[in-house]
């Protein structure tokens, strides 16, 4: 996904809220959603129904109109910049962009946000459960995992309240406004407070990225339900402890990666594509998967796929965000 235009203004500080639905889609303006987008605007949001109800023309229209900007996951922090009726203009920390130093900007229905000082304190003080072993998983009302209440995405991170050693094992987590819930232990990693996620190597990134093969493409998508190209690469990296910019152009030019020649590619490297035979604006990014293959969220008609690594045509170049200390590479 290339960089999008947006009229939001930056601010030195802003009130904090938390995403209270499985996935909050961040829109370009309150006028952006179409009738077909109602499932994404509801509380609770129904992202699977939204995706299933859209035709290919609907998906292409989202891309052409650039109606969506990004997505934020359940429990994620957002900074409220302004409010307009039933909408809040927010910045999403953890999704760096040149557009706003507070995070990626756009508009979210206010009903999809919760303000909770208690949840904010728990996020600071307690270990967190990171969904990082499945594209999506259930959030349950009981330790036995029999009452699923919501499907949450990979990348969701919630404070840990306790653990149950039953079969299957489960982890009790705090939520923004819904009380204590439970996650399957098999789908999460526990991160200690004050410590980052240990960065992984390229082989781990690629193995995780493969879990999403076949998912649909969604302009602005950044969840285990659907992705756009740069939402895919930035989300895979972030689950593995490395934050890079949200958009393809910013990843290439402002992400801090170092250039890699086409004959030195290693798994986890990002490949970028630009208009005018690679000399113009960067519009696409993929991840090198090894064996002269790459994995990508391609377009509205294709989704997440593995294909041959393309280093011709509109190829702009590659960037490496990992270093030898980030686990092992596998060529």
C-alpha atoms as a PDB file:
ATOM      1  CA  UNK A   1       0.000   0.000   0.000  1.00  0.00           C
ATOM      2  CA  UNK A   2       1.512   3.293  -1.009  1.00  0.00           C
ATOM      3  CA  UNK A   3       1.280   6.446   1.074  1.00  0.00           C
ATOM      4  CA  UNK A   4      -2.160   8.022   1.326  1.00  0.00           C
ATOM      5  CA  UNK A   5      -3.088  11.680   1.535  1.00  0.00           C
ATOM      6  CA  UNK A   6      -4.840  12.859   4.675  1.00  0.00           C
ATOM      7  CA  UNK A   7      -5.851  16.203   6.105  1.00  0.00           C
ATOM      8  CA  UNK A   8      -5.212  15.426   9.783  1.00  0.00           C
ATOM      9  CA  UNK A   9      -3.121  17.793  11.834  1.00  0.00           C
ATOM     10  CA  UNK A  10      -0.447  16.830  14.294  1.00  0.00           C
ATOM     11  CA  UNK A  11      -0.568  17.772  17.952  1.00  0.00           C
ATOM     12  CA  UNK A  12       1.998  17.651  20.750  1.00  0.00           C
ATOM     13  CA  UNK A  13      -0.361  15.565  22.904  1.00  0.00           C
ATOM     14  CA  UNK A  14      -3.843  14.090  22.709  1.00  0.00           C
ATOM     15  CA  UNK A  15      -6.238  12.124  24.930  1.00  0.00           C
ATOM     16  CA  UNK A  16      -5.899   8.335  24.863  1.00  0.00           C
ATOM     17  CA  UNK A  17      -8.604   5.782  24.078  1.00  0.00           C
ATOM     18  CA  UNK A  18      -8.537   2.063  23.275  1.00  0.00           C
ATOM     19  CA  UNK A  19     -10.046   0.039  20.451  1.00  0.00           C
ATOM     20  CA  UNK A  20     -13.114  -1.783  21.824  1.00  0.00           C
ATOM     21  CA  UNK A  21     -13.918  -3.936  18.765  1.00  0.00           C
ATOM     22  CA  UNK A  22     -11.964  -6.797  17.206  1.00  0.00           C
ATOM     23  CA  UNK A  23     -10.676  -4.545  14.415  1.00  0.00           C
ATOM     24  CA  UNK A  24     -11.370  -0.826  14.045  1.00  0.00           C
ATOM     25  CA  UNK A  25     -11.053   0.325  10.445  1.00  0.00           C
ATOM     26  CA  UNK A  26      -9.558   3.805  10.203  1.00  0.00           C
ATOM     27  CA  UNK A  27     -11.304   5.806   7.481  1.00  0.00           C
ATOM     28  CA  UNK A  28     -10.102   8.764   5.438  1.00  0.00           C
ATOM     29  CA  UNK A  29     -13.098  10.851   6.568  1.00  0.00           C
ATOM     30  CA  UNK A  30     -16.500  10.321   8.222  1.00  0.00           C
ATOM     31  CA  UNK A  31     -18.002  10.492   4.726  1.00  0.00           C
ATOM     32  CA  UNK A  32     -15.829   7.672   3.372  1.00  0.00           C
ATOM     33  CA  UNK A  33     -17.855   4.548   4.304  1.00  0.00           C
ATOM     34  CA  UNK A  34     -20.325   3.141   1.780  1.00  0.00           C
ATOM     35  CA  UNK A  35     -23.528   1.187   2.508  1.00  0.00           C
ATOM     36  CA  UNK A  36     -21.509  -2.001   1.914  1.00  0.00           C
ATOM     37  CA  UNK A  37     -19.229  -1.068   4.812  1.00  0.00           C
ATOM     38  CA  UNK A  38     -21.839  -1.156   7.591  1.00  0.00           C
ATOM     39  CA  UNK A  39     -20.531  -4.393   9.176  1.00  0.00           C
ATOM     40  CA  UNK A  40     -17.143  -2.734   9.705  1.00  0.00           C
ATOM     41  CA  UNK A  41     -18.752   0.279  11.409  1.00  0.00           C
ATOM     42  CA  UNK A  42     -20.837  -1.651  13.924  1.00  0.00           C
ATOM     43  CA  UNK A  43     -20.058  -2.355  17.561  1.00  0.00           C
ATOM     44  CA  UNK A  44     -19.138  -5.167  17.651  1.00  0.00           C
ATOM     45  CA  UNK A  45     -17.508  -4.918  14.236  1.00  0.00           C
ATOM     46  CA  UNK A  46     -18.112  -7.909  11.982  1.00  0.00           C
ATOM     47  CA  UNK A  47     -15.051  -7.959   9.750  1.00  0.00           C
ATOM     48  CA  UNK A  48     -15.646 -11.478   8.316  1.00  0.00           C
ATOM     49  CA  UNK A  49     -19.185 -10.518   7.229  1.00  0.00           C
ATOM     50  CA  UNK A  50     -17.895  -7.270   5.734  1.00  0.00           C
ATOM     51  CA  UNK A  51     -15.260  -9.091   3.711  1.00  0.00           C
ATOM     52  CA  UNK A  52     -17.651 -11.839   2.611  1.00  0.00           C
ATOM     53  CA  UNK A  53     -20.318  -9.376   1.502  1.00  0.00           C
ATOM     54  CA  UNK A  54     -18.057  -7.271  -0.713  1.00  0.00           C
ATOM     55  CA  UNK A  55     -17.880  -8.000  -4.417  1.00  0.00           C
ATOM     56  CA  UNK A  56     -14.630  -7.693  -6.317  1.00  0.00           C
ATOM     57  CA  UNK A  57     -15.913  -4.350  -7.591  1.00  0.00           C
ATOM     58  CA  UNK A  58     -16.460  -3.233  -3.987  1.00  0.00           C
ATOM     59  CA  UNK A  59     -12.897  -4.182  -3.058  1.00  0.00           C
ATOM     60  CA  UNK A  60     -11.477  -2.406  -6.085  1.00  0.00           C
ATOM     61  CA  UNK A  61     -13.560   0.642  -5.270  1.00  0.00           C
ATOM     62  CA  UNK A  62     -11.945   0.816  -1.808  1.00  0.00           C
ATOM     63  CA  UNK A  63      -8.537   0.826  -3.471  1.00  0.00           C
ATOM     64  CA  UNK A  64      -9.488   3.396  -6.076  1.00  0.00           C
ATOM     65  CA  UNK A  65     -11.212   5.740  -3.647  1.00  0.00           C
ATOM     66  CA  UNK A  66      -8.639   5.240  -0.867  1.00  0.00           C
ATOM     67  CA  UNK A  67     -11.553   5.383   1.561  1.00  0.00           C
ATOM     68  CA  UNK A  68      -9.695   3.398   4.221  1.00  0.00           C
ATOM     69  CA  UNK A  69      -6.374   4.356   5.775  1.00  0.00           C
ATOM     70  CA  UNK A  70      -5.385   1.516   8.126  1.00  0.00           C
ATOM     71  CA  UNK A  71      -6.777  -0.651  10.919  1.00  0.00           C
ATOM     72  CA  UNK A  72      -6.214  -0.851  14.687  1.00  0.00           C
ATOM     73  CA  UNK A  73      -6.668  -4.006  16.747  1.00  0.00           C
ATOM     74  CA  UNK A  74      -8.653  -4.780  19.885  1.00  0.00           C
ATOM     75  CA  UNK A  75      -7.112  -3.138  22.937  1.00  0.00           C
ATOM     76  CA  UNK A  76      -4.744  -0.970  20.889  1.00  0.00           C
ATOM     77  CA  UNK A  77      -4.127   2.594  22.002  1.00  0.00           C
ATOM     78  CA  UNK A  78      -5.248   5.484  19.832  1.00  0.00           C
ATOM     79  CA  UNK A  79      -4.786   9.195  20.393  1.00  0.00           C
ATOM     80  CA  UNK A  80      -7.886  11.325  19.851  1.00  0.00           C
ATOM     81  CA  UNK A  81      -7.088  14.414  17.773  1.00  0.00           C
ATOM     82  CA  UNK A  82     -10.577  15.833  17.222  1.00  0.00           C
ATOM     83  CA  UNK A  83     -14.210  14.716  17.382  1.00  0.00           C
ATOM     84  CA  UNK A  84     -17.018  15.319  14.915  1.00  0.00           C
ATOM     85  CA  UNK A  85     -20.460  13.997  15.768  1.00  0.00           C
ATOM     86  CA  UNK A  86     -20.276  10.217  16.070  1.00  0.00           C
ATOM     87  CA  UNK A  87     -16.708  10.127  14.799  1.00  0.00           C
ATOM     88  CA  UNK A  88     -13.258  10.629  16.301  1.00  0.00           C
ATOM     89  CA  UNK A  89     -10.175  11.600  14.367  1.00  0.00           C
ATOM     90  CA  UNK A  90      -7.367   9.502  15.788  1.00  0.00           C
ATOM     91  CA  UNK A  91      -3.681   8.767  15.434  1.00  0.00           C
ATOM     92  CA  UNK A  92      -2.613   5.145  15.866  1.00  0.00           C
ATOM     93  CA  UNK A  93       0.730   4.767  17.702  1.00  0.00           C
ATOM     94  CA  UNK A  94       2.891   1.882  16.589  1.00  0.00           C
ATOM     95  CA  UNK A  95       2.138   2.587  12.928  1.00  0.00           C
ATOM     96  CA  UNK A  96       4.791   5.214  12.107  1.00  0.00           C
ATOM     97  CA  UNK A  97       4.169   7.642   9.292  1.00  0.00           C
ATOM     98  CA  UNK A  98       5.557  10.988   8.130  1.00  0.00           C
ATOM     99  CA  UNK A  99       1.950  12.289   8.301  1.00  0.00           C
ATOM    100  CA  UNK A 100       1.741  12.635  12.079  1.00  0.00           C
ATOM    101  CA  UNK A 101       4.310  12.054  14.841  1.00  0.00           C
ATOM    102  CA  UNK A 102       1.608  10.611  17.101  1.00  0.00           C
ATOM    103  CA  UNK A 103       0.808   7.748  14.714  1.00  0.00           C
ATOM    104  CA  UNK A 104      -1.206   6.899  11.621  1.00  0.00           C
ATOM    105  CA  UNK A 105      -4.160   9.316  11.277  1.00  0.00           C
ATOM    106  CA  UNK A 106      -7.749   8.802  10.214  1.00  0.00           C
ATOM    107  CA  UNK A 107     -11.331   8.565  11.462  1.00  0.00           C
ATOM    108  CA  UNK A 108     -13.018   5.885  13.596  1.00  0.00           C
ATOM    109  CA  UNK A 109     -16.635   5.633  14.857  1.00  0.00           C
ATOM    110  CA  UNK A 110     -16.602   6.788  18.481  1.00  0.00           C
ATOM    111  CA  UNK A 111     -18.654   3.751  19.535  1.00  0.00           C
ATOM    112  CA  UNK A 112     -15.689   1.531  18.627  1.00  0.00           C
ATOM    113  CA  UNK A 113     -13.467   3.228  21.219  1.00  0.00           C
ATOM    114  CA  UNK A 114     -13.342   3.002  25.005  1.00  0.00           C
ATOM    115  CA  UNK A 115     -11.701   5.277  27.572  1.00  0.00           C
ATOM    116  CA  UNK A 116     -10.439   3.313  30.567  1.00  0.00           C
ATOM    117  CA  UNK A 117      -7.785   4.443  33.034  1.00  0.00           C
ATOM    118  CA  UNK A 118      -7.914   0.990  34.629  1.00  0.00           C
ATOM    119  CA  UNK A 119      -7.112  -0.750  31.351  1.00  0.00           C
ATOM    120  CA  UNK A 120      -4.353   1.778  30.654  1.00  0.00           C
ATOM    121  CA  UNK A 121      -2.769   1.037  34.048  1.00  0.00           C
ATOM    122  CA  UNK A 122      -2.966  -2.724  33.512  1.00  0.00           C
ATOM    123  CA  UNK A 123      -1.252  -2.354  30.145  1.00  0.00           C
ATOM    124  CA  UNK A 124       1.611  -0.576  31.901  1.00  0.00           C
ATOM    125  CA  UNK A 125       1.953  -2.872  34.921  1.00  0.00           C
ATOM    126  CA  UNK A 126       1.138  -6.429  33.831  1.00  0.00           C
ATOM    127  CA  UNK A 127       2.610  -8.941  31.403  1.00  0.00           C
ATOM    128  CA  UNK A 128       0.757  -9.055  28.099  1.00  0.00           C
ATOM    129  CA  UNK A 129      -0.560 -11.862  25.934  1.00  0.00           C
ATOM    130  CA  UNK A 130       0.379 -11.328  22.286  1.00  0.00           C
ATOM    131  CA  UNK A 131      -1.599 -13.218  19.660  1.00  0.00           C
ATOM    132  CA  UNK A 132       1.255 -14.308  17.442  1.00  0.00           C
ATOM    133  CA  UNK A 133       0.784 -17.981  16.593  1.00  0.00           C
ATOM    134  CA  UNK A 134      -2.412 -17.881  14.513  1.00  0.00           C
ATOM    135  CA  UNK A 135      -3.968 -15.426  12.020  1.00  0.00           C
ATOM    136  CA  UNK A 136      -7.018 -15.040  14.294  1.00  0.00           C
ATOM    137  CA  UNK A 137      -8.140 -16.674  17.524  1.00  0.00           C
ATOM    138  CA  UNK A 138     -11.144 -16.678  19.811  1.00  0.00           C
ATOM    139  CA  UNK A 139     -11.670 -14.461  22.838  1.00  0.00           C
ATOM    140  CA  UNK A 140     -13.770 -16.438  25.308  1.00  0.00           C
ATOM    141  CA  UNK A 141     -15.972 -15.790  28.301  1.00  0.00           C
ATOM    142  CA  UNK A 142     -14.737 -18.852  30.206  1.00  0.00           C
ATOM    143  CA  UNK A 143     -11.459 -20.580  31.024  1.00  0.00           C
ATOM    144  CA  UNK A 144     -12.623 -23.788  29.338  1.00  0.00           C
ATOM    145  CA  UNK A 145     -12.891 -21.899  26.026  1.00  0.00           C
ATOM    146  CA  UNK A 146     -16.475 -22.948  25.337  1.00  0.00           C
ATOM    147  CA  UNK A 147     -18.129 -19.502  24.989  1.00  0.00           C
ATOM    148  CA  UNK A 148     -16.462 -17.604  22.166  1.00  0.00           C
ATOM    149  CA  UNK A 149     -17.419 -13.929  22.251  1.00  0.00           C
ATOM    150  CA  UNK A 150     -15.157 -12.434  19.593  1.00  0.00           C
ATOM    151  CA  UNK A 151     -12.513 -13.320  17.028  1.00  0.00           C
ATOM    152  CA  UNK A 152      -9.343 -11.271  17.478  1.00  0.00           C
ATOM    153  CA  UNK A 153      -6.417 -10.831  15.132  1.00  0.00           C
ATOM    154  CA  UNK A 154      -2.768 -11.705  15.227  1.00  0.00           C
ATOM    155  CA  UNK A 155      -1.002  -8.734  16.770  1.00  0.00           C
ATOM    156  CA  UNK A 156      -3.666  -8.221  19.448  1.00  0.00           C
ATOM    157  CA  UNK A 157      -1.943  -7.606  22.791  1.00  0.00           C
ATOM    158  CA  UNK A 158      -3.870  -7.667  26.110  1.00  0.00           C
ATOM    159  CA  UNK A 159      -2.800  -7.542  29.790  1.00  0.00           C
ATOM    160  CA  UNK A 160      -2.530 -10.936  31.495  1.00  0.00           C
ATOM    161  CA  UNK A 161      -4.597 -11.443  34.663  1.00  0.00           C
ATOM    162  CA  UNK A 162      -3.925 -15.157  35.166  1.00  0.00           C
ATOM    163  CA  UNK A 163      -3.619 -18.574  33.554  1.00  0.00           C
ATOM    164  CA  UNK A 164      -5.613 -21.802  33.707  1.00  0.00           C
ATOM    165  CA  UNK A 165      -3.835 -25.145  33.364  1.00  0.00           C
ATOM    166  CA  UNK A 166      -6.875 -27.055  32.124  1.00  0.00           C
ATOM    167  CA  UNK A 167      -7.276 -28.742  28.789  1.00  0.00           C
ATOM    168  CA  UNK A 168      -6.941 -26.731  26.692  1.00  0.00           C
ATOM    169  CA  UNK A 169      -4.784 -24.276  28.691  1.00  0.00           C
ATOM    170  CA  UNK A 170      -5.984 -20.675  28.600  1.00  0.00           C
ATOM    171  CA  UNK A 171      -4.820 -17.205  29.561  1.00  0.00           C
ATOM    172  CA  UNK A 172      -7.066 -14.707  31.336  1.00  0.00           C
ATOM    173  CA  UNK A 173      -6.734 -11.179  29.970  1.00  0.00           C
ATOM    174  CA  UNK A 174      -8.091  -7.727  30.700  1.00  0.00           C
ATOM    175  CA  UNK A 175     -10.114  -5.999  27.994  1.00  0.00           C
ATOM    176  CA  UNK A 176     -11.122  -2.391  27.314  1.00  0.00           C
ATOM    177  CA  UNK A 177     -14.658  -2.322  28.687  1.00  0.00           C
ATOM    178  CA  UNK A 178     -15.692  -5.984  28.439  1.00  0.00           C
ATOM    179  CA  UNK A 179     -14.255  -7.340  31.684  1.00  0.00           C
ATOM    180  CA  UNK A 180     -11.883 -10.322  32.035  1.00  0.00           C
ATOM    181  CA  UNK A 181     -11.822 -12.758  29.100  1.00  0.00           C
ATOM    182  CA  UNK A 182      -9.784 -15.792  28.052  1.00  0.00           C
ATOM    183  CA  UNK A 183      -7.459 -16.586  25.138  1.00  0.00           C
ATOM    184  CA  UNK A 184      -6.179 -20.026  24.059  1.00  0.00           C
ATOM    185  CA  UNK A 185      -2.654 -20.381  25.455  1.00  0.00           C
ATOM    186  CA  UNK A 186      -1.554 -22.131  22.246  1.00  0.00           C
ATOM    187  CA  UNK A 187      -2.102 -18.954  20.212  1.00  0.00           C
ATOM    188  CA  UNK A 188      -0.306 -16.415  22.409  1.00  0.00           C
ATOM    189  CA  UNK A 189       3.119 -15.507  23.735  1.00  0.00           C
ATOM    190  CA  UNK A 190       3.546 -13.855  27.136  1.00  0.00           C
ATOM    191  CA  UNK A 191       5.589 -10.645  27.168  1.00  0.00           C
ATOM    192  CA  UNK A 192       6.854  -9.245  30.454  1.00  0.00           C
ATOM    193  CA  UNK A 193       6.065  -5.614  31.392  1.00  0.00           C
ATOM    194  CA  UNK A 194       8.676  -3.094  30.357  1.00  0.00           C
ATOM    195  CA  UNK A 195      10.328  -5.485  27.906  1.00  0.00           C
ATOM    196  CA  UNK A 196       9.912  -5.561  24.174  1.00  0.00           C
ATOM    197  CA  UNK A 197       9.188  -8.592  22.048  1.00  0.00           C
ATOM    198  CA  UNK A 198      12.477 -10.411  21.321  1.00  0.00           C
ATOM    199  CA  UNK A 199      13.183  -9.747  17.631  1.00  0.00           C
ATOM    200  CA  UNK A 200      13.038 -12.868  15.471  1.00  0.00           C
ATOM    201  CA  UNK A 201      15.041 -13.895  12.452  1.00  0.00           C
ATOM    202  CA  UNK A 202      14.005 -13.832   8.823  1.00  0.00           C
ATOM    203  CA  UNK A 203      12.980 -17.485   8.741  1.00  0.00           C
ATOM    204  CA  UNK A 204      10.547 -16.898  11.614  1.00  0.00           C
ATOM    205  CA  UNK A 205       9.033 -13.884   9.858  1.00  0.00           C
ATOM    206  CA  UNK A 206       8.474 -15.863   6.677  1.00  0.00           C
ATOM    207  CA  UNK A 207       7.006 -18.855   8.523  1.00  0.00           C
ATOM    208  CA  UNK A 208       4.549 -16.531  10.255  1.00  0.00           C
ATOM    209  CA  UNK A 209       3.733 -14.714   7.012  1.00  0.00           C
ATOM    210  CA  UNK A 210       2.839 -18.049   5.405  1.00  0.00           C
ATOM    211  CA  UNK A 211       0.001 -18.466   7.922  1.00  0.00           C
ATOM    212  CA  UNK A 212      -1.894 -15.774   6.003  1.00  0.00           C
ATOM    213  CA  UNK A 213      -1.693 -17.335   2.543  1.00  0.00           C
ATOM    214  CA  UNK A 214      -5.049 -17.074   0.792  1.00  0.00           C
ATOM    215  CA  UNK A 215      -6.360 -14.197   2.895  1.00  0.00           C
ATOM    216  CA  UNK A 216      -8.169 -11.492   0.909  1.00  0.00           C
ATOM    217  CA  UNK A 217      -6.611  -8.162   0.033  1.00  0.00           C
ATOM    218  CA  UNK A 218      -8.167  -5.094   1.637  1.00  0.00           C
ATOM    219  CA  UNK A 219      -6.989  -1.546   1.029  1.00  0.00           C
ATOM    220  CA  UNK A 220      -6.064  -0.305   4.505  1.00  0.00           C
ATOM    221  CA  UNK A 221      -6.168  -3.860   5.882  1.00  0.00           C
ATOM    222  CA  UNK A 222      -3.811  -4.616   8.741  1.00  0.00           C
ATOM    223  CA  UNK A 223      -5.287  -7.615  10.538  1.00  0.00           C
ATOM    224  CA  UNK A 224      -5.379 -11.390  10.354  1.00  0.00           C
ATOM    225  CA  UNK A 225      -8.670 -11.097   8.443  1.00  0.00           C
ATOM    226  CA  UNK A 226      -7.266  -9.193   5.424  1.00  0.00           C
ATOM    227  CA  UNK A 227      -4.256  -7.079   4.464  1.00  0.00           C
ATOM    228  CA  UNK A 228      -2.941  -4.614   1.975  1.00  0.00           C
ATOM    229  CA  UNK A 229       0.694  -4.945   0.919  1.00  0.00           C
ATOM    230  CA  UNK A 230       2.353  -2.699   3.501  1.00  0.00           C
ATOM    231  CA  UNK A 231      -0.157  -3.561   6.211  1.00  0.00           C
ATOM    232  CA  UNK A 232       0.999  -7.153   5.709  1.00  0.00           C
ATOM    233  CA  UNK A 233       4.730  -6.469   5.938  1.00  0.00           C
ATOM    234  CA  UNK A 234       4.489  -4.003   8.832  1.00  0.00           C
ATOM    235  CA  UNK A 235       2.166  -6.287  10.847  1.00  0.00           C
ATOM    236  CA  UNK A 236       4.386  -9.356  10.364  1.00  0.00           C
ATOM    237  CA  UNK A 237       7.407  -7.373  11.526  1.00  0.00           C
ATOM    238  CA  UNK A 238       5.595  -5.849  14.497  1.00  0.00           C
ATOM    239  CA  UNK A 239       4.427  -9.210  15.859  1.00  0.00           C
ATOM    240  CA  UNK A 240       8.110 -10.156  15.876  1.00  0.00           C
ATOM    241  CA  UNK A 241       9.304  -7.127  17.819  1.00  0.00           C
ATOM    242  CA  UNK A 242      10.281  -4.739  15.029  1.00  0.00           C
ATOM    243  CA  UNK A 243       8.239  -1.643  14.203  1.00  0.00           C
ATOM    244  CA  UNK A 244       8.559  -0.218  10.699  1.00  0.00           C
ATOM    245  CA  UNK A 245       6.472   2.474   8.998  1.00  0.00           C
ATOM    246  CA  UNK A 246       2.906   1.679   7.927  1.00  0.00           C
ATOM    247  CA  UNK A 247       3.163   2.497   4.219  1.00  0.00           C
ATOM    248  CA  UNK A 248       5.397   1.102   1.476  1.00  0.00           C
ATOM    249  CA  UNK A 249       7.032   4.389   0.485  1.00  0.00           C
ATOM    250  CA  UNK A 250       7.811   5.239   4.112  1.00  0.00           C
ATOM    251  CA  UNK A 251       9.120   1.715   4.755  1.00  0.00           C
ATOM    252  CA  UNK A 252      11.566   2.104   1.887  1.00  0.00           C
ATOM    253  CA  UNK A 253      12.623   5.684   2.506  1.00  0.00           C
ATOM    254  CA  UNK A 254      12.154   6.297   6.238  1.00  0.00           C
ATOM    255  CA  UNK A 255      12.130   2.848   7.830  1.00  0.00           C
ATOM    256  CA  UNK A 256      15.794   2.661   8.757  1.00  0.00           C
ATOM    257  CA  UNK A 257      16.462  -0.427   6.664  1.00  0.00           C
ATOM    258  CA  UNK A 258      19.708  -0.809   4.791  1.00  0.00           C
ATOM    259  CA  UNK A 259      19.914  -1.432   1.033  1.00  0.00           C
ATOM    260  CA  UNK A 260      20.395  -5.004  -0.178  1.00  0.00           C
ATOM    261  CA  UNK A 261      21.310  -6.009  -3.711  1.00  0.00           C
ATOM    262  CA  UNK A 262      19.075  -8.435  -5.576  1.00  0.00           C
ATOM    263  CA  UNK A 263      21.725 -11.185  -5.462  1.00  0.00           C
ATOM    264  CA  UNK A 264      22.133 -10.901  -1.668  1.00  0.00           C
ATOM    265  CA  UNK A 265      18.484 -11.264  -0.625  1.00  0.00           C
ATOM    266  CA  UNK A 266      17.681 -13.185   2.553  1.00  0.00           C
ATOM    267  CA  UNK A 267      14.303 -14.252   4.003  1.00  0.00           C
ATOM    268  CA  UNK A 268      12.559 -11.332   5.645  1.00  0.00           C
ATOM    269  CA  UNK A 269      14.052  -8.671   3.357  1.00  0.00           C
ATOM    270  CA  UNK A 270      11.471  -6.335   1.826  1.00  0.00           C
ATOM    271  CA  UNK A 271      11.289  -5.722  -1.926  1.00  0.00           C
ATOM    272  CA  UNK A 272       9.816  -2.460  -3.229  1.00  0.00           C
ATOM    273  CA  UNK A 273       8.248  -1.473  -6.541  1.00  0.00           C
ATOM    274  CA  UNK A 274       7.846   1.973  -8.069  1.00  0.00           C
ATOM    275  CA  UNK A 275       6.175   3.505 -11.088  1.00  0.00           C
ATOM    276  CA  UNK A 276       8.113   4.487 -14.209  1.00  0.00           C
ATOM    277  CA  UNK A 277      10.298   1.368 -14.288  1.00  0.00           C
ATOM    278  CA  UNK A 278      11.307   1.715 -10.667  1.00  0.00           C
ATOM    279  CA  UNK A 279      12.179   5.404 -10.712  1.00  0.00           C
ATOM    280  CA  UNK A 280       8.873   6.929  -9.584  1.00  0.00           C
ATOM    281  CA  UNK A 281       6.625   6.722  -6.562  1.00  0.00           C
ATOM    282  CA  UNK A 282       6.827   3.476  -4.549  1.00  0.00           C
ATOM    283  CA  UNK A 283       3.468   1.700  -4.709  1.00  0.00           C
ATOM    284  CA  UNK A 284       4.069  -1.900  -3.570  1.00  0.00           C
ATOM    285  CA  UNK A 285       6.111  -3.977  -1.122  1.00  0.00           C
ATOM    286  CA  UNK A 286       6.669  -7.728  -0.742  1.00  0.00           C
ATOM    287  CA  UNK A 287       8.711  -9.956   1.581  1.00  0.00           C
ATOM    288  CA  UNK A 288      11.461 -12.198   0.280  1.00  0.00           C
ATOM    289  CA  UNK A 289      10.664 -15.794   1.265  1.00  0.00           C
ATOM    290  CA  UNK A 290      13.848 -17.553   0.132  1.00  0.00           C
ATOM    291  CA  UNK A 291      14.350 -19.796  -2.872  1.00  0.00           C
ATOM    292  CA  UNK A 292      13.811 -16.863  -5.264  1.00  0.00           C
ATOM    293  CA  UNK A 293      10.239 -16.479  -4.040  1.00  0.00           C
ATOM    294  CA  UNK A 294       8.393 -13.645  -2.351  1.00  0.00           C
ATOM    295  CA  UNK A 295       5.200 -13.461  -0.310  1.00  0.00           C
ATOM    296  CA  UNK A 296       2.821 -10.548  -0.770  1.00  0.00           C
ATOM    297  CA  UNK A 297      -0.670  -9.154  -0.336  1.00  0.00           C
ATOM    298  CA  UNK A 298      -1.048  -8.515  -4.029  1.00  0.00           C
ATOM    299  CA  UNK A 299      -4.295  -6.812  -5.055  1.00  0.00           C
ATOM    300  CA  UNK A 300      -8.087  -6.849  -4.684  1.00  0.00           C
ATOM    301  CA  UNK A 301      -8.438  -9.813  -7.032  1.00  0.00           C
ATOM    302  CA  UNK A 302      -5.601 -11.947  -5.670  1.00  0.00           C
ATOM    303  CA  UNK A 303      -4.953 -11.682  -1.934  1.00  0.00           C
ATOM    304  CA  UNK A 304      -1.945 -13.041  -0.051  1.00  0.00           C
ATOM    305  CA  UNK A 305       0.178 -15.330  -2.208  1.00  0.00           C
ATOM    306  CA  UNK A 306       3.672 -16.682  -2.836  1.00  0.00           C
ATOM    307  CA  UNK A 307       5.128 -15.984  -6.252  1.00  0.00           C
ATOM    308  CA  UNK A 308       8.501 -15.672  -7.935  1.00  0.00           C
ATOM    309  CA  UNK A 309      10.707 -12.869  -6.620  1.00  0.00           C
ATOM    310  CA  UNK A 310      10.473 -10.085  -9.189  1.00  0.00           C
ATOM    311  CA  UNK A 311      13.612  -7.989  -9.534  1.00  0.00           C
ATOM    312  CA  UNK A 312      12.862  -6.571 -12.972  1.00  0.00           C
ATOM    313  CA  UNK A 313      10.338  -4.180 -14.467  1.00  0.00           C
ATOM    314  CA  UNK A 314       9.236  -1.746 -11.734  1.00  0.00           C
ATOM    315  CA  UNK A 315      11.577  -3.152  -9.080  1.00  0.00           C
ATOM    316  CA  UNK A 316      12.929  -0.266  -6.973  1.00  0.00           C
ATOM    317  CA  UNK A 317      15.217  -2.142  -4.601  1.00  0.00           C
ATOM    318  CA  UNK A 318      15.286  -4.045  -1.317  1.00  0.00           C
ATOM    319  CA  UNK A 319      15.739  -3.124   2.331  1.00  0.00           C
ATOM    320  CA  UNK A 320      16.890  -5.263   5.269  1.00  0.00           C
ATOM    321  CA  UNK A 321      15.492  -4.394   8.706  1.00  0.00           C
ATOM    322  CA  UNK A 322      17.010  -7.369  10.520  1.00  0.00           C
ATOM    323  CA  UNK A 323      20.591  -7.771  11.689  1.00  0.00           C
ATOM    324  CA  UNK A 324      22.569 -10.894  12.649  1.00  0.00           C
ATOM    325  CA  UNK A 325      21.395 -10.591  16.252  1.00  0.00           C
ATOM    326  CA  UNK A 326      17.777 -11.084  15.157  1.00  0.00           C
ATOM    327  CA  UNK A 327      17.789 -14.881  15.197  1.00  0.00           C
ATOM    328  CA  UNK A 328      18.808 -17.063  12.252  1.00  0.00           C
ATOM    329  CA  UNK A 329      18.277 -16.575   8.573  1.00  0.00           C
ATOM    330  CA  UNK A 330      17.389 -19.439   6.271  1.00  0.00           C
ATOM    331  CA  UNK A 331      18.138 -18.951   2.591  1.00  0.00           C
END
